[in-house]
């Protein structure tokens, strides 16, 4: 491959990285409802790094010049692939985890505190007492406006197919 073709490949990988921001948004939506959100985040980042490195190695087998290529700004293919796949794995692992529930534990909890962030687009939080301390959860503005401190809500802690536990409001049927 010549330099122009490698530059084009670099451009397409940059666009791929920008599109992968959609998966970051999917992964971040109500992330505080995961009980082990830090472990989930670290796991998804490690998965993204591994997938990015594997894809880079496969590209290098097919296009040996890709190993030493640097764009005008000094970026190689490896950094672009790792960035994109870290974001993609963050959102896709969340979708995979929530696609099949392996265990559900529903109980009533009392709202002990309510809060909202002070930004232009605020986030709305409730705090419940799980017995081993307060836990902050977020279910959106409509939920926040319909409930008050002292209300009892039915919450389900669900374990997904990847083993990560998250909280959902029990649906009323």
N, C-alpha and C. Protein backbone atom coordinates (compact mmCIF):
# COMPACT_ATOMS: atom_id res chain seq x y z
N UNK A 1 0.85 -1.19 0.00
CA UNK A 1 0.00 0.00 0.00
C UNK A 1 0.89 1.24 0.00
N UNK A 2 0.44 2.25 -0.72
CA UNK A 2 1.22 3.48 -0.72
C UNK A 2 0.75 4.41 0.40
N UNK A 3 1.46 5.51 0.57
CA UNK A 3 1.18 6.46 1.66
C UNK A 3 -0.24 7.03 1.57
N UNK A 4 -0.70 7.33 0.38
CA UNK A 4 -2.05 7.89 0.20
C UNK A 4 -3.12 6.90 0.67
N UNK A 5 -2.96 5.63 0.35
CA UNK A 5 -3.92 4.62 0.76
C UNK A 5 -3.90 4.45 2.28
N UNK A 6 -2.70 4.51 2.87
CA UNK A 6 -2.60 4.42 4.33
C UNK A 6 -3.23 5.64 4.99
N UNK A 7 -3.06 6.81 4.38
CA UNK A 7 -3.72 8.02 4.90
C UNK A 7 -5.23 7.89 4.85
N UNK A 8 -5.74 7.32 3.77
CA UNK A 8 -7.19 7.09 3.65
C UNK A 8 -7.68 6.13 4.72
N UNK A 9 -6.93 5.05 4.94
CA UNK A 9 -7.29 4.10 5.99
C UNK A 9 -7.30 4.77 7.35
N UNK A 10 -6.32 5.63 7.59
CA UNK A 10 -6.26 6.38 8.85
C UNK A 10 -7.47 7.28 9.00
N UNK A 11 -7.88 7.92 7.92
CA UNK A 11 -9.07 8.78 7.95
C UNK A 11 -10.31 7.97 8.31
N UNK A 12 -10.47 6.82 7.67
CA UNK A 12 -11.65 5.99 7.94
C UNK A 12 -11.65 5.46 9.37
N UNK A 13 -10.47 5.15 9.90
CA UNK A 13 -10.40 4.72 11.29
C UNK A 13 -10.73 5.87 12.24
N UNK A 14 -10.39 7.09 11.86
CA UNK A 14 -10.76 8.26 12.68
C UNK A 14 -12.27 8.44 12.70
N UNK A 15 -12.90 8.29 11.54
CA UNK A 15 -14.36 8.38 11.46
C UNK A 15 -15.00 7.26 12.29
N UNK A 16 -14.43 6.07 12.20
CA UNK A 16 -14.89 4.93 13.01
C UNK A 16 -14.81 5.26 14.50
N UNK A 17 -13.72 5.91 14.90
CA UNK A 17 -13.57 6.31 16.30
C UNK A 17 -14.61 7.32 16.74
N UNK A 18 -14.93 8.26 15.85
CA UNK A 18 -15.95 9.26 16.18
C UNK A 18 -17.33 8.60 16.29
N UNK A 19 -17.62 7.69 15.38
CA UNK A 19 -18.91 6.98 15.42
C UNK A 19 -19.01 6.13 16.69
N UNK A 20 -17.88 5.63 17.16
CA UNK A 20 -17.91 4.79 18.37
C UNK A 20 -18.32 5.57 19.61
N UNK A 21 -18.35 6.90 19.53
CA UNK A 21 -18.84 7.70 20.65
C UNK A 21 -20.30 7.39 20.98
N UNK A 22 -21.04 6.90 19.99
CA UNK A 22 -22.43 6.50 20.23
C UNK A 22 -22.46 5.38 21.28
N UNK A 23 -21.53 4.45 21.17
CA UNK A 23 -21.48 3.36 22.14
C UNK A 23 -21.08 3.85 23.52
N UNK A 24 -20.26 4.89 23.58
CA UNK A 24 -19.93 5.49 24.88
C UNK A 24 -21.19 6.05 25.53
N UNK A 25 -22.03 6.72 24.74
CA UNK A 25 -23.28 7.27 25.28
C UNK A 25 -24.19 6.16 25.78
N UNK A 26 -24.25 5.05 25.05
CA UNK A 26 -25.06 3.90 25.48
C UNK A 26 -24.53 3.36 26.80
N UNK A 27 -23.23 3.24 26.91
CA UNK A 27 -22.63 2.69 28.12
C UNK A 27 -22.79 3.59 29.33
N UNK A 28 -22.76 4.91 29.12
CA UNK A 28 -22.84 5.84 30.24
C UNK A 28 -24.25 6.08 30.75
N UNK A 29 -25.26 5.80 29.94
CA UNK A 29 -26.65 6.08 30.33
C UNK A 29 -27.01 5.30 31.61
N UNK A 30 -27.28 6.02 32.68
CA UNK A 30 -27.63 5.44 33.99
C UNK A 30 -26.62 4.43 34.49
N UNK A 31 -25.34 4.69 34.25
CA UNK A 31 -24.28 3.79 34.70
C UNK A 31 -24.28 3.65 36.22
N UNK A 32 -24.74 4.68 36.95
CA UNK A 32 -24.73 4.60 38.41
C UNK A 32 -25.69 3.54 38.94
N UNK A 33 -26.54 2.98 38.08
CA UNK A 33 -27.44 1.91 38.51
C UNK A 33 -26.76 0.54 38.50
N UNK A 34 -25.52 0.48 38.08
CA UNK A 34 -24.74 -0.76 38.18
C UNK A 34 -24.09 -0.81 39.56
N UNK A 35 -24.18 -1.95 40.22
CA UNK A 35 -23.61 -2.04 41.55
C UNK A 35 -22.08 -2.07 41.51
N UNK A 36 -21.49 -2.66 40.49
CA UNK A 36 -20.04 -2.70 40.33
C UNK A 36 -19.64 -1.94 39.07
N UNK A 37 -20.02 -0.67 38.99
CA UNK A 37 -19.78 0.10 37.77
C UNK A 37 -18.30 0.28 37.48
N UNK A 38 -17.47 0.38 38.52
CA UNK A 38 -16.03 0.55 38.29
C UNK A 38 -15.42 -0.72 37.68
N UNK A 39 -15.79 -1.87 38.21
CA UNK A 39 -15.31 -3.13 37.66
C UNK A 39 -15.80 -3.32 36.22
N UNK A 40 -17.06 -2.96 35.98
CA UNK A 40 -17.61 -3.04 34.62
C UNK A 40 -16.82 -2.16 33.67
N UNK A 41 -16.52 -0.93 34.09
CA UNK A 41 -15.77 0.01 33.25
C UNK A 41 -14.37 -0.51 32.95
N UNK A 42 -13.68 -1.00 33.96
CA UNK A 42 -12.33 -1.52 33.76
C UNK A 42 -12.35 -2.74 32.85
N UNK A 43 -13.32 -3.61 33.04
CA UNK A 43 -13.45 -4.80 32.19
C UNK A 43 -13.68 -4.42 30.73
N UNK A 44 -14.56 -3.45 30.50
CA UNK A 44 -14.85 -3.06 29.12
C UNK A 44 -13.64 -2.37 28.48
N UNK A 45 -12.89 -1.59 29.25
CA UNK A 45 -11.70 -0.94 28.70
C UNK A 45 -10.64 -1.98 28.33
N UNK A 46 -10.43 -2.95 29.20
CA UNK A 46 -9.46 -4.01 28.91
C UNK A 46 -9.89 -4.81 27.67
N UNK A 47 -11.17 -5.12 27.57
CA UNK A 47 -11.67 -5.83 26.38
C UNK A 47 -11.44 -5.00 25.12
N UNK A 48 -11.69 -3.71 25.19
CA UNK A 48 -11.48 -2.84 24.04
C UNK A 48 -10.03 -2.78 23.63
N UNK A 49 -9.12 -2.71 24.60
CA UNK A 49 -7.69 -2.69 24.29
C UNK A 49 -7.28 -4.00 23.62
N UNK A 50 -7.76 -5.13 24.15
CA UNK A 50 -7.41 -6.43 23.56
C UNK A 50 -7.95 -6.57 22.14
N UNK A 51 -9.20 -6.19 21.92
CA UNK A 51 -9.78 -6.29 20.58
C UNK A 51 -9.05 -5.35 19.62
N UNK A 52 -8.76 -4.12 20.06
CA UNK A 52 -8.02 -3.18 19.22
C UNK A 52 -6.65 -3.71 18.84
N UNK A 53 -5.97 -4.32 19.79
CA UNK A 53 -4.64 -4.88 19.52
C UNK A 53 -4.73 -6.07 18.56
N UNK A 54 -5.72 -6.92 18.74
CA UNK A 54 -5.90 -8.08 17.83
C UNK A 54 -6.21 -7.60 16.41
N UNK A 55 -7.11 -6.63 16.27
CA UNK A 55 -7.43 -6.10 14.95
C UNK A 55 -6.20 -5.45 14.31
N UNK A 56 -5.40 -4.74 15.12
CA UNK A 56 -4.17 -4.13 14.61
C UNK A 56 -3.22 -5.20 14.09
N UNK A 57 -3.06 -6.28 14.82
CA UNK A 57 -2.18 -7.38 14.39
C UNK A 57 -2.70 -8.00 13.09
N UNK A 58 -4.00 -8.17 12.97
CA UNK A 58 -4.57 -8.71 11.73
C UNK A 58 -4.34 -7.77 10.54
N UNK A 59 -4.47 -6.47 10.79
CA UNK A 59 -4.20 -5.50 9.73
C UNK A 59 -2.72 -5.56 9.33
N UNK A 60 -1.84 -5.68 10.32
CA UNK A 60 -0.39 -5.73 10.03
C UNK A 60 -0.01 -6.99 9.26
N UNK A 61 -0.72 -8.08 9.46
CA UNK A 61 -0.45 -9.30 8.68
C UNK A 61 -0.81 -9.05 7.22
N UNK A 62 -1.93 -8.38 7.01
CA UNK A 62 -2.41 -8.11 5.64
C UNK A 62 -1.66 -6.96 4.99
N UNK A 63 -1.35 -5.92 5.79
CA UNK A 63 -0.67 -4.72 5.29
C UNK A 63 0.55 -4.45 6.19
N UNK A 64 1.71 -5.01 5.88
CA UNK A 64 2.89 -4.85 6.75
C UNK A 64 3.29 -3.39 7.00
N UNK A 65 3.02 -2.48 6.06
CA UNK A 65 3.38 -1.07 6.23
C UNK A 65 2.58 -0.40 7.36
N UNK A 66 1.47 -0.99 7.73
CA UNK A 66 0.62 -0.40 8.76
C UNK A 66 1.31 -0.37 10.12
N UNK A 67 2.26 -1.27 10.33
CA UNK A 67 2.94 -1.35 11.63
C UNK A 67 3.75 -0.08 11.92
N UNK A 68 4.37 0.49 10.91
CA UNK A 68 5.21 1.67 11.13
C UNK A 68 4.56 2.98 10.66
N UNK A 69 3.32 2.92 10.21
CA UNK A 69 2.65 4.12 9.69
C UNK A 69 2.35 5.11 10.81
N UNK A 70 2.58 6.38 10.52
CA UNK A 70 2.18 7.48 11.40
C UNK A 70 1.49 8.53 10.54
N UNK A 71 0.37 9.05 11.01
CA UNK A 71 -0.34 10.11 10.28
C UNK A 71 0.43 11.42 10.42
N UNK A 72 -0.06 12.46 9.77
CA UNK A 72 0.57 13.78 9.85
C UNK A 72 0.61 14.26 11.30
N UNK A 73 -0.39 13.90 12.07
CA UNK A 73 -0.46 14.31 13.47
C UNK A 73 0.29 13.36 14.41
N UNK A 74 0.90 12.32 13.86
CA UNK A 74 1.73 11.41 14.65
C UNK A 74 1.02 10.21 15.22
N UNK A 75 -0.23 9.97 14.81
CA UNK A 75 -0.98 8.83 15.32
C UNK A 75 -0.81 7.62 14.40
N UNK A 76 -0.66 6.47 15.00
CA UNK A 76 -0.63 5.23 14.25
C UNK A 76 -1.99 4.57 14.30
N UNK A 77 -2.09 3.47 13.61
CA UNK A 77 -3.36 2.75 13.57
C UNK A 77 -3.71 2.14 14.93
N UNK A 78 -2.71 1.72 15.70
CA UNK A 78 -2.97 1.06 16.97
C UNK A 78 -3.75 1.97 17.92
N UNK A 79 -3.32 3.22 18.05
CA UNK A 79 -4.01 4.14 18.98
C UNK A 79 -5.44 4.40 18.53
N UNK A 80 -5.67 4.51 17.22
CA UNK A 80 -7.02 4.74 16.72
C UNK A 80 -7.92 3.53 16.99
N UNK A 81 -7.38 2.34 16.77
CA UNK A 81 -8.17 1.13 17.00
C UNK A 81 -8.47 0.92 18.48
N UNK A 82 -7.48 1.15 19.32
CA UNK A 82 -7.71 0.98 20.76
C UNK A 82 -8.75 1.97 21.26
N UNK A 83 -8.65 3.23 20.84
CA UNK A 83 -9.64 4.23 21.25
C UNK A 83 -11.05 3.81 20.83
N UNK A 84 -11.21 3.45 19.56
CA UNK A 84 -12.53 3.10 19.06
C UNK A 84 -13.09 1.87 19.75
N UNK A 85 -12.29 0.84 19.91
CA UNK A 85 -12.81 -0.39 20.49
C UNK A 85 -13.03 -0.30 22.00
N UNK A 86 -12.32 0.60 22.70
CA UNK A 86 -12.63 0.82 24.11
C UNK A 86 -14.04 1.38 24.25
N UNK A 87 -14.38 2.34 23.39
CA UNK A 87 -15.72 2.93 23.45
C UNK A 87 -16.79 1.94 23.01
N UNK A 88 -16.51 1.21 21.95
CA UNK A 88 -17.47 0.23 21.45
C UNK A 88 -17.70 -0.87 22.48
N UNK A 89 -16.64 -1.34 23.11
CA UNK A 89 -16.82 -2.42 24.10
C UNK A 89 -17.60 -1.92 25.31
N UNK A 90 -17.42 -0.65 25.67
CA UNK A 90 -18.14 -0.10 26.82
C UNK A 90 -19.65 -0.18 26.60
N UNK A 91 -20.10 0.26 25.45
CA UNK A 91 -21.54 0.23 25.16
C UNK A 91 -22.04 -1.16 24.82
N UNK A 92 -21.28 -1.91 24.03
CA UNK A 92 -21.77 -3.23 23.60
C UNK A 92 -21.77 -4.24 24.75
N UNK A 93 -20.79 -4.17 25.66
CA UNK A 93 -20.83 -5.09 26.80
C UNK A 93 -22.03 -4.79 27.69
N UNK A 94 -22.40 -3.53 27.79
CA UNK A 94 -23.59 -3.21 28.57
C UNK A 94 -24.84 -3.77 27.90
N UNK A 95 -24.95 -3.61 26.58
CA UNK A 95 -26.10 -4.16 25.86
C UNK A 95 -26.14 -5.69 25.98
N UNK A 96 -24.99 -6.32 25.87
CA UNK A 96 -24.92 -7.78 25.99
C UNK A 96 -25.31 -8.21 27.40
N UNK A 97 -24.78 -7.53 28.41
CA UNK A 97 -25.09 -7.89 29.80
C UNK A 97 -26.58 -7.78 30.09
N UNK A 98 -27.22 -6.74 29.57
CA UNK A 98 -28.63 -6.52 29.86
C UNK A 98 -29.56 -7.28 28.92
N UNK A 99 -29.01 -7.97 27.92
CA UNK A 99 -29.86 -8.69 26.96
C UNK A 99 -30.47 -9.96 27.55
N UNK A 100 -29.78 -10.57 28.50
CA UNK A 100 -30.31 -11.79 29.12
C UNK A 100 -30.06 -11.71 30.62
N UNK A 101 -31.13 -11.75 31.37
CA UNK A 101 -31.05 -11.66 32.83
C UNK A 101 -30.97 -13.07 33.39
N UNK A 102 -29.96 -13.31 34.23
CA UNK A 102 -29.80 -14.65 34.82
C UNK A 102 -30.39 -14.75 36.22
N UNK A 103 -30.52 -13.61 36.91
CA UNK A 103 -31.05 -13.63 38.27
C UNK A 103 -31.71 -12.29 38.57
N UNK A 104 -32.87 -12.33 39.22
CA UNK A 104 -33.58 -11.11 39.59
C UNK A 104 -33.98 -11.19 41.05
N UNK A 105 -33.74 -10.11 41.78
CA UNK A 105 -34.11 -10.01 43.19
C UNK A 105 -34.85 -8.69 43.39
N UNK A 106 -36.18 -8.76 43.57
CA UNK A 106 -37.00 -7.56 43.71
C UNK A 106 -37.42 -7.38 45.17
N UNK A 107 -37.28 -6.14 45.65
CA UNK A 107 -37.67 -5.80 47.02
C UNK A 107 -38.16 -4.37 47.06
N UNK A 108 -38.98 -4.05 48.07
CA UNK A 108 -39.36 -2.65 48.26
C UNK A 108 -38.26 -1.91 49.01
N UNK A 109 -37.98 -0.70 48.59
CA UNK A 109 -37.00 0.16 49.25
C UNK A 109 -37.62 1.52 49.48
N UNK A 110 -37.19 2.20 50.53
CA UNK A 110 -37.69 3.53 50.86
C UNK A 110 -36.70 4.57 50.38
N UNK A 111 -37.22 5.62 49.75
CA UNK A 111 -36.37 6.73 49.31
C UNK A 111 -36.01 7.54 50.55
N UNK A 112 -34.71 7.64 50.83
CA UNK A 112 -34.28 8.38 52.03
C UNK A 112 -33.75 9.78 51.69
N UNK A 113 -33.46 10.02 50.41
CA UNK A 113 -32.97 11.32 50.01
C UNK A 113 -33.15 11.47 48.50
N UNK A 114 -33.33 12.70 48.06
CA UNK A 114 -33.44 12.98 46.62
C UNK A 114 -32.54 14.16 46.31
N UNK A 115 -31.97 14.16 45.09
CA UNK A 115 -31.07 15.24 44.69
C UNK A 115 -31.06 15.36 43.18
N UNK A 116 -30.61 16.52 42.71
CA UNK A 116 -30.39 16.70 41.28
C UNK A 116 -29.12 17.50 41.10
N UNK A 117 -28.44 17.22 39.99
CA UNK A 117 -27.19 17.93 39.72
C UNK A 117 -27.51 19.36 39.30
N UNK A 118 -26.56 20.23 39.46
CA UNK A 118 -26.79 21.65 39.17
C UNK A 118 -26.30 22.08 37.80
N UNK A 119 -26.41 21.22 36.83
CA UNK A 119 -25.94 21.59 35.50
C UNK A 119 -27.09 22.07 34.63
N UNK A 120 -26.76 22.46 33.39
CA UNK A 120 -27.79 22.94 32.46
C UNK A 120 -28.78 21.84 32.14
N UNK A 121 -28.30 20.61 32.00
CA UNK A 121 -29.16 19.44 31.80
C UNK A 121 -28.98 18.55 33.03
N UNK A 122 -29.72 18.81 34.09
CA UNK A 122 -29.48 18.12 35.35
C UNK A 122 -29.80 16.62 35.31
N UNK A 123 -29.10 15.89 36.15
CA UNK A 123 -29.41 14.48 36.40
C UNK A 123 -30.19 14.42 37.70
N UNK A 124 -31.10 13.48 37.79
CA UNK A 124 -31.97 13.35 38.95
C UNK A 124 -31.65 12.05 39.68
N UNK A 125 -31.43 12.15 40.99
CA UNK A 125 -31.00 11.01 41.77
C UNK A 125 -31.94 10.76 42.94
N UNK A 126 -32.04 9.49 43.29
CA UNK A 126 -32.69 9.11 44.55
C UNK A 126 -31.66 8.29 45.33
N UNK A 127 -31.81 8.30 46.63
CA UNK A 127 -30.94 7.51 47.49
C UNK A 127 -31.81 6.55 48.29
N UNK A 128 -31.40 5.29 48.33
CA UNK A 128 -32.12 4.28 49.11
C UNK A 128 -31.15 3.70 50.13
N UNK A 129 -31.72 3.11 51.17
CA UNK A 129 -30.90 2.43 52.18
C UNK A 129 -30.99 0.94 51.91
N UNK A 130 -29.86 0.35 51.51
CA UNK A 130 -29.83 -1.09 51.22
C UNK A 130 -29.47 -1.92 52.45
N UNK A 131 -29.28 -1.28 53.58
CA UNK A 131 -28.90 -2.02 54.78
C UNK A 131 -27.40 -1.92 55.04
N UNK A 132 -26.62 -1.83 53.98
CA UNK A 132 -25.16 -1.69 54.14
C UNK A 132 -24.71 -0.30 53.68
N UNK A 133 -25.60 0.66 53.76
CA UNK A 133 -25.28 2.03 53.38
C UNK A 133 -26.21 2.56 52.30
N UNK A 134 -26.05 3.86 52.03
CA UNK A 134 -26.87 4.51 51.01
C UNK A 134 -26.38 4.11 49.63
N UNK A 135 -27.35 4.03 48.71
CA UNK A 135 -27.00 3.79 47.31
C UNK A 135 -27.71 4.82 46.46
N UNK A 136 -26.96 5.44 45.54
CA UNK A 136 -27.51 6.46 44.65
C UNK A 136 -27.94 5.79 43.34
N UNK A 137 -29.16 6.12 42.91
CA UNK A 137 -29.71 5.58 41.67
C UNK A 137 -30.29 6.72 40.85
N UNK A 138 -30.41 6.51 39.55
CA UNK A 138 -30.96 7.52 38.67
C UNK A 138 -31.97 6.88 37.74
N UNK A 139 -33.19 7.44 37.69
CA UNK A 139 -34.24 6.92 36.82
C UNK A 139 -34.89 8.00 35.98
N UNK A 140 -34.35 9.20 35.95
CA UNK A 140 -34.85 10.26 35.09
C UNK A 140 -35.76 11.26 35.80
N UNK A 141 -36.06 12.31 35.07
CA UNK A 141 -36.82 13.43 35.61
C UNK A 141 -38.26 13.06 35.97
N UNK A 142 -38.93 12.32 35.09
CA UNK A 142 -40.33 11.96 35.35
C UNK A 142 -40.46 11.15 36.64
N UNK A 143 -39.59 10.19 36.83
CA UNK A 143 -39.61 9.39 38.05
C UNK A 143 -39.34 10.27 39.26
N UNK A 144 -38.36 11.15 39.15
CA UNK A 144 -37.97 12.04 40.24
C UNK A 144 -39.13 12.94 40.65
N UNK A 145 -39.87 13.46 39.67
CA UNK A 145 -40.97 14.38 39.98
C UNK A 145 -42.20 13.66 40.54
N UNK A 146 -42.34 12.36 40.28
CA UNK A 146 -43.50 11.60 40.77
C UNK A 146 -43.31 11.07 42.19
N UNK A 147 -42.08 11.10 42.71
CA UNK A 147 -41.80 10.51 44.02
C UNK A 147 -41.26 11.55 44.99
N UNK A 148 -41.36 11.18 46.27
CA UNK A 148 -40.91 12.06 47.35
C UNK A 148 -40.12 11.24 48.37
N UNK A 149 -39.42 11.94 49.24
CA UNK A 149 -38.69 11.28 50.32
C UNK A 149 -39.70 10.52 51.18
N UNK A 150 -39.40 9.28 51.49
CA UNK A 150 -40.28 8.44 52.29
C UNK A 150 -41.13 7.50 51.46
N UNK A 151 -41.22 7.73 50.15
CA UNK A 151 -41.96 6.82 49.27
C UNK A 151 -41.27 5.47 49.21
N UNK A 152 -42.08 4.43 49.08
CA UNK A 152 -41.54 3.09 48.90
C UNK A 152 -41.64 2.73 47.42
N UNK A 153 -40.53 2.25 46.89
CA UNK A 153 -40.50 1.85 45.47
C UNK A 153 -40.02 0.40 45.38
N UNK A 154 -40.51 -0.30 44.38
CA UNK A 154 -40.08 -1.68 44.14
C UNK A 154 -38.93 -1.67 43.15
N UNK A 155 -37.76 -2.13 43.62
CA UNK A 155 -36.58 -2.19 42.77
C UNK A 155 -36.16 -3.63 42.56
N UNK A 156 -35.69 -3.91 41.37
CA UNK A 156 -35.19 -5.24 41.04
C UNK A 156 -33.70 -5.13 40.73
N UNK A 157 -32.91 -5.87 41.48
CA UNK A 157 -31.49 -6.00 41.17
C UNK A 157 -31.36 -7.22 40.26
N UNK A 158 -30.90 -6.97 39.05
CA UNK A 158 -30.83 -8.02 38.05
C UNK A 158 -29.38 -8.31 37.69
N UNK A 159 -29.05 -9.59 37.60
CA UNK A 159 -27.71 -9.99 37.18
C UNK A 159 -27.78 -10.36 35.72
N UNK A 160 -26.93 -9.70 34.91
CA UNK A 160 -26.93 -9.94 33.48
C UNK A 160 -26.10 -11.15 33.11
N UNK A 161 -26.09 -11.45 31.82
CA UNK A 161 -25.42 -12.64 31.31
C UNK A 161 -23.90 -12.59 31.54
N UNK A 162 -23.33 -11.38 31.64
CA UNK A 162 -21.89 -11.25 31.88
C UNK A 162 -21.55 -11.22 33.38
N UNK A 163 -22.58 -11.28 34.23
CA UNK A 163 -22.34 -11.34 35.68
C UNK A 163 -22.38 -10.01 36.39
N UNK A 164 -22.67 -8.93 35.70
CA UNK A 164 -22.74 -7.61 36.34
C UNK A 164 -24.18 -7.33 36.75
N UNK A 165 -24.34 -6.80 37.98
CA UNK A 165 -25.65 -6.55 38.55
C UNK A 165 -26.03 -5.08 38.38
N UNK A 166 -27.27 -4.85 37.99
CA UNK A 166 -27.78 -3.50 37.81
C UNK A 166 -29.19 -3.42 38.37
N UNK A 167 -29.65 -2.21 38.59
CA UNK A 167 -30.94 -1.97 39.23
C UNK A 167 -31.94 -1.41 38.22
N UNK A 168 -33.14 -1.94 38.26
CA UNK A 168 -34.25 -1.44 37.43
C UNK A 168 -35.48 -1.31 38.32
N UNK A 169 -36.38 -0.42 37.94
CA UNK A 169 -37.65 -0.29 38.65
C UNK A 169 -38.53 -1.45 38.23
N UNK A 170 -39.19 -2.07 39.20
CA UNK A 170 -40.09 -3.17 38.89
C UNK A 170 -41.25 -2.65 38.07
N UNK A 171 -41.47 -3.29 36.93
CA UNK A 171 -42.56 -2.84 36.05
C UNK A 171 -43.89 -3.25 36.65
N UNK A 172 -44.85 -2.35 36.52
CA UNK A 172 -46.19 -2.61 37.03
C UNK A 172 -47.02 -3.20 35.92
N UNK A 173 -47.59 -4.38 36.15
CA UNK A 173 -48.37 -5.04 35.11
C UNK A 173 -49.81 -5.08 35.49
